[in-house]
């Protein structure tokens, strides 16, 4: 997901998405320790998506609206 897509979601939707991503990440890490994953890049994608969600939530808490330069 892109940051632009995440900014369009509500806080409740963001927290639910973060919870689902954390759960999937946990399951992938567990599976990776036991067997080989079909798509190991999925772990990286999930970690980055979680970071994007955390960034968007923090922006909202601080009241920072993205400027034109940040939207690109």
Protein backbone atom coordinates (compact mmCIF):
# COMPACT_ATOMS: atom_id res chain seq x y z
CA UNK A 1 0.00 0.00 0.00
CA UNK A 2 1.14 3.50 -0.64
CA UNK A 3 1.12 6.27 1.94
CA UNK A 4 -1.45 8.12 -0.15
CA UNK A 5 -3.86 5.16 0.07
CA UNK A 6 -3.29 4.89 3.82
CA UNK A 7 -3.98 8.59 4.40
CA UNK A 8 -7.46 8.10 2.93
CA UNK A 9 -8.39 5.52 5.60
CA UNK A 10 -9.84 6.30 9.02
CA UNK A 11 -7.88 5.71 12.22
CA UNK A 12 -10.01 2.67 13.03
CA UNK A 13 -9.31 1.17 9.61
CA UNK A 14 -5.59 1.87 10.01
CA UNK A 15 -5.39 0.20 13.40
CA UNK A 16 -7.33 -2.81 12.11
CA UNK A 17 -5.00 -3.08 9.11
CA UNK A 18 -1.96 -2.81 11.38
CA UNK A 19 -3.33 -5.58 13.60
CA UNK A 20 -3.92 -7.83 10.60
CA UNK A 21 -0.43 -7.10 9.22
CA UNK A 22 1.20 -7.85 12.59
CA UNK A 23 -0.68 -11.14 12.80
CA UNK A 24 0.35 -12.13 9.27
CA UNK A 25 3.94 -11.11 9.94
CA UNK A 26 4.01 -13.25 13.08
CA UNK A 27 2.69 -16.25 11.16
CA UNK A 28 5.20 -15.74 8.35
CA UNK A 29 8.12 -15.50 10.77
CA UNK A 30 6.97 -18.64 12.52
CA UNK A 31 6.61 -20.49 9.22
CA UNK A 32 10.01 -19.20 8.08
CA UNK A 33 11.69 -20.68 11.14
CA UNK A 34 10.22 -24.11 10.39
CA UNK A 35 10.16 -24.32 6.60
CA UNK A 36 11.06 -22.36 3.52
CA UNK A 37 8.61 -19.64 2.50
CA UNK A 38 7.09 -19.41 -0.97
CA UNK A 39 7.56 -15.62 -0.98
CA UNK A 40 10.12 -14.42 1.59
CA UNK A 41 9.78 -10.85 0.29
CA UNK A 42 6.32 -10.74 1.86
CA UNK A 43 7.99 -10.24 5.27
CA UNK A 44 9.76 -7.12 4.00
CA UNK A 45 6.58 -5.78 2.41
CA UNK A 46 4.61 -6.27 5.63
CA UNK A 47 7.27 -4.56 7.74
CA UNK A 48 7.30 -1.56 5.43
CA UNK A 49 3.50 -1.36 5.32
CA UNK A 50 3.42 -1.41 9.14
CA UNK A 51 5.95 1.41 9.20
CA UNK A 52 3.84 3.42 6.76
CA UNK A 53 0.75 2.92 8.91
CA UNK A 54 2.66 4.01 12.02
CA UNK A 55 3.89 7.10 10.19
CA UNK A 56 0.40 8.10 9.04
CA UNK A 57 -1.02 7.59 12.54
CA UNK A 58 1.79 9.66 14.06
CA UNK A 59 1.17 12.43 11.54
CA UNK A 60 -2.46 12.52 12.61
CA UNK A 61 -1.57 12.61 16.30
CA UNK A 62 0.83 15.49 15.75
CA UNK A 63 -1.63 17.24 13.48
CA UNK A 64 0.84 17.46 10.62
CA UNK A 65 -0.84 17.77 7.27
CA UNK A 66 1.32 16.68 4.34
CA UNK A 67 2.58 19.49 2.16
CA UNK A 68 2.64 19.45 -1.63
CA UNK A 69 6.25 18.28 -1.64
CA UNK A 70 5.44 15.30 0.61
CA UNK A 71 2.53 14.15 -1.55
CA UNK A 72 4.78 13.24 -4.45
